[in-house]
Each structure stands twice: as structure tokens, then as C-alpha cells.
Amino acid sequence: MMFGKSPKEVQTLYETLSKIHIYGISFIAYNDGAELEVLRKCGNEISEDMKLFYEKYMRRKY
């Protein structure tokens, strides 16, 4: 997600993500995506909004 981006592009991405909140994801997960990654690896079901968020910013299928 960050590879190849300029510092300004990374800053813009963080600003965009800071304005988003999807019910069921803690605010900590927005900083590093760790919570969604753990849910994915455990095979937990998540909402469609969470899947779309994961796929958009992690650039892989949930």
C-alpha cells in the first residue's frame, strides 16, 4: 500500500483513512491493519464494508 508512494502521498492516505470508521474495527486497526489481518487468518466472518476496506487498502482479497 505504501511502496513507491511519496511522503506527501502517504500523508494524504493517512488523512483519508483517519476520516473513515467502520463499525466493528477498532481505531487501532486503522493505523496498521493488524486487527483485520488477525480476523482474516482466523477465518472470522466480517461485514461487507470491512471486506471492501481490507481489499482496497491491503490490495488483496479477504
N, C-alpha and C. Protein backbone atom coordinates (compact mmCIF):
# COMPACT_ATOMS: atom_id res chain seq x y z
N MET A 1 0.83 -1.18 0.00
CA MET A 1 0.00 0.00 0.00
C MET A 1 0.87 1.25 0.00
N MET A 2 2.01 1.20 0.64
CA MET A 2 2.86 2.38 0.76
C MET A 2 4.02 2.37 -0.24
N PHE A 3 4.38 1.19 -0.71
CA PHE A 3 5.55 1.06 -1.55
C PHE A 3 5.45 1.94 -2.79
N GLY A 4 6.48 2.73 -3.02
CA GLY A 4 6.53 3.58 -4.21
C GLY A 4 5.81 4.91 -4.06
N LYS A 5 5.21 5.16 -2.91
CA LYS A 5 4.49 6.42 -2.70
C LYS A 5 5.44 7.47 -2.14
N SER A 6 5.20 8.70 -2.53
CA SER A 6 5.98 9.81 -1.99
C SER A 6 5.51 10.11 -0.56
N PRO A 7 6.31 10.81 0.23
CA PRO A 7 5.86 11.17 1.58
C PRO A 7 4.52 11.92 1.58
N LYS A 8 4.31 12.77 0.60
CA LYS A 8 3.05 13.52 0.51
C LYS A 8 1.88 12.57 0.24
N GLU A 9 2.08 11.58 -0.62
CA GLU A 9 1.03 10.61 -0.92
C GLU A 9 0.69 9.77 0.32
N VAL A 10 1.70 9.40 1.08
CA VAL A 10 1.47 8.64 2.32
C VAL A 10 0.70 9.49 3.32
N GLN A 11 1.07 10.74 3.45
CA GLN A 11 0.37 11.65 4.35
C GLN A 11 -1.09 11.80 3.93
N THR A 12 -1.34 11.95 2.65
CA THR A 12 -2.71 12.07 2.14
C THR A 12 -3.50 10.80 2.43
N LEU A 13 -2.87 9.63 2.26
CA LEU A 13 -3.54 8.36 2.56
C LEU A 13 -3.93 8.29 4.03
N TYR A 14 -3.00 8.63 4.93
CA TYR A 14 -3.31 8.61 6.36
C TYR A 14 -4.43 9.60 6.70
N GLU A 15 -4.44 10.75 6.08
CA GLU A 15 -5.51 11.72 6.32
C GLU A 15 -6.85 11.16 5.87
N THR A 16 -6.86 10.49 4.73
CA THR A 16 -8.10 9.88 4.23
C THR A 16 -8.58 8.79 5.17
N LEU A 17 -7.67 7.92 5.59
CA LEU A 17 -8.04 6.82 6.48
C LEU A 17 -8.50 7.31 7.84
N SER A 18 -7.95 8.42 8.30
CA SER A 18 -8.32 8.92 9.63
C SER A 18 -9.76 9.40 9.69
N LYS A 19 -10.37 9.65 8.54
CA LYS A 19 -11.75 10.13 8.50
C LYS A 19 -12.76 9.00 8.37
N ILE A 20 -12.27 7.78 8.21
CA ILE A 20 -13.14 6.62 7.99
C ILE A 20 -13.26 5.82 9.28
N HIS A 21 -14.47 5.38 9.59
CA HIS A 21 -14.63 4.40 10.66
C HIS A 21 -15.74 3.44 10.28
N ILE A 22 -15.43 2.17 10.34
CA ILE A 22 -16.40 1.12 10.04
C ILE A 22 -16.70 0.40 11.34
N TYR A 23 -17.97 0.27 11.68
CA TYR A 23 -18.37 -0.40 12.91
C TYR A 23 -17.74 -1.79 12.98
N GLY A 24 -17.13 -2.10 14.10
CA GLY A 24 -16.53 -3.41 14.30
C GLY A 24 -15.02 -3.42 14.18
N ILE A 25 -14.43 -2.34 13.71
CA ILE A 25 -12.98 -2.24 13.61
C ILE A 25 -12.51 -1.20 14.62
N SER A 26 -11.57 -1.58 15.45
CA SER A 26 -11.07 -0.61 16.43
C SER A 26 -10.26 0.47 15.73
N PHE A 27 -10.12 1.60 16.40
CA PHE A 27 -9.34 2.69 15.82
C PHE A 27 -7.87 2.31 15.68
N ILE A 28 -7.39 1.40 16.51
CA ILE A 28 -6.01 0.94 16.41
C ILE A 28 -5.78 0.25 15.06
N ALA A 29 -6.76 -0.50 14.60
CA ALA A 29 -6.61 -1.23 13.34
C ALA A 29 -6.43 -0.29 12.15
N TYR A 30 -6.92 0.92 12.26
CA TYR A 30 -6.76 1.86 11.16
C TYR A 30 -5.31 2.31 11.02
N ASN A 31 -4.53 2.17 12.07
CA ASN A 31 -3.12 2.57 11.99
C ASN A 31 -2.26 1.54 11.30
N ASP A 32 -2.57 0.25 11.48
CA ASP A 32 -1.69 -0.76 10.88
C ASP A 32 -2.42 -1.93 10.22
N GLY A 33 -3.72 -2.00 10.34
CA GLY A 33 -4.48 -3.08 9.71
C GLY A 33 -4.36 -4.42 10.41
N ALA A 34 -3.68 -4.46 11.53
CA ALA A 34 -3.41 -5.74 12.20
C ALA A 34 -4.68 -6.46 12.61
N GLU A 35 -5.67 -5.74 13.08
CA GLU A 35 -6.89 -6.40 13.55
C GLU A 35 -7.59 -7.16 12.42
N LEU A 36 -7.72 -6.53 11.28
CA LEU A 36 -8.35 -7.21 10.15
C LEU A 36 -7.52 -8.40 9.68
N GLU A 37 -6.22 -8.28 9.73
CA GLU A 37 -5.36 -9.39 9.32
C GLU A 37 -5.54 -10.57 10.26
N VAL A 38 -5.66 -10.32 11.55
CA VAL A 38 -5.89 -11.39 12.52
C VAL A 38 -7.26 -12.04 12.28
N LEU A 39 -8.28 -11.22 12.07
CA LEU A 39 -9.62 -11.77 11.79
C LEU A 39 -9.59 -12.63 10.54
N ARG A 40 -8.88 -12.18 9.50
CA ARG A 40 -8.79 -12.93 8.24
C ARG A 40 -8.10 -14.28 8.49
N LYS A 41 -6.98 -14.27 9.18
CA LYS A 41 -6.24 -15.51 9.40
C LYS A 41 -7.00 -16.50 10.26
N CYS A 42 -7.86 -16.00 11.14
CA CYS A 42 -8.68 -16.88 11.99
C CYS A 42 -9.93 -17.38 11.27
N GLY A 43 -10.19 -16.83 10.08
CA GLY A 43 -11.35 -17.26 9.30
C GLY A 43 -12.66 -16.68 9.80
N ASN A 44 -12.60 -15.58 10.55
CA ASN A 44 -13.82 -14.95 11.07
C ASN A 44 -14.59 -14.24 9.97
N GLU A 45 -15.89 -14.30 10.08
CA GLU A 45 -16.76 -13.56 9.16
C GLU A 45 -16.75 -12.09 9.55
N ILE A 46 -16.71 -11.23 8.57
CA ILE A 46 -16.75 -9.79 8.81
C ILE A 46 -17.77 -9.17 7.86
N SER A 47 -18.13 -7.92 8.13
CA SER A 47 -19.13 -7.25 7.29
C SER A 47 -18.56 -6.96 5.90
N GLU A 48 -19.44 -6.72 4.98
CA GLU A 48 -19.03 -6.40 3.61
C GLU A 48 -18.21 -5.11 3.59
N ASP A 49 -18.58 -4.12 4.42
CA ASP A 49 -17.81 -2.87 4.49
C ASP A 49 -16.38 -3.15 4.93
N MET A 50 -16.22 -4.04 5.90
CA MET A 50 -14.88 -4.37 6.36
C MET A 50 -14.08 -5.07 5.27
N LYS A 51 -14.72 -5.97 4.52
CA LYS A 51 -14.04 -6.65 3.42
C LYS A 51 -13.59 -5.66 2.36
N LEU A 52 -14.47 -4.74 2.00
CA LEU A 52 -14.12 -3.74 0.99
C LEU A 52 -12.97 -2.86 1.46
N PHE A 53 -13.00 -2.47 2.74
CA PHE A 53 -11.92 -1.68 3.32
C PHE A 53 -10.60 -2.44 3.22
N TYR A 54 -10.61 -3.70 3.62
CA TYR A 54 -9.41 -4.54 3.60
C TYR A 54 -8.88 -4.66 2.17
N GLU A 55 -9.76 -4.99 1.24
CA GLU A 55 -9.33 -5.22 -0.14
C GLU A 55 -8.82 -3.94 -0.81
N LYS A 56 -9.41 -2.81 -0.46
CA LYS A 56 -8.98 -1.55 -1.05
C LYS A 56 -7.59 -1.15 -0.56
N TYR A 57 -7.38 -1.23 0.75
CA TYR A 57 -6.14 -0.72 1.30
C TYR A 57 -5.02 -1.76 1.44
N MET A 58 -5.37 -3.03 1.52
CA MET A 58 -4.34 -4.06 1.58
C MET A 58 -4.04 -4.60 0.19
N ARG A 59 -4.90 -4.28 -0.76
CA ARG A 59 -4.75 -4.68 -2.16
C ARG A 59 -4.65 -6.18 -2.34
N ARG A 60 -5.49 -6.92 -1.59
CA ARG A 60 -5.63 -8.36 -1.77
C ARG A 60 -7.02 -8.75 -1.28
N LYS A 61 -7.47 -9.92 -1.73
CA LYS A 61 -8.80 -10.40 -1.37
C LYS A 61 -8.84 -10.83 0.08
N TYR A 62 -9.95 -10.55 0.74
CA TYR A 62 -10.15 -11.01 2.10
C TYR A 62 -10.43 -12.48 2.04
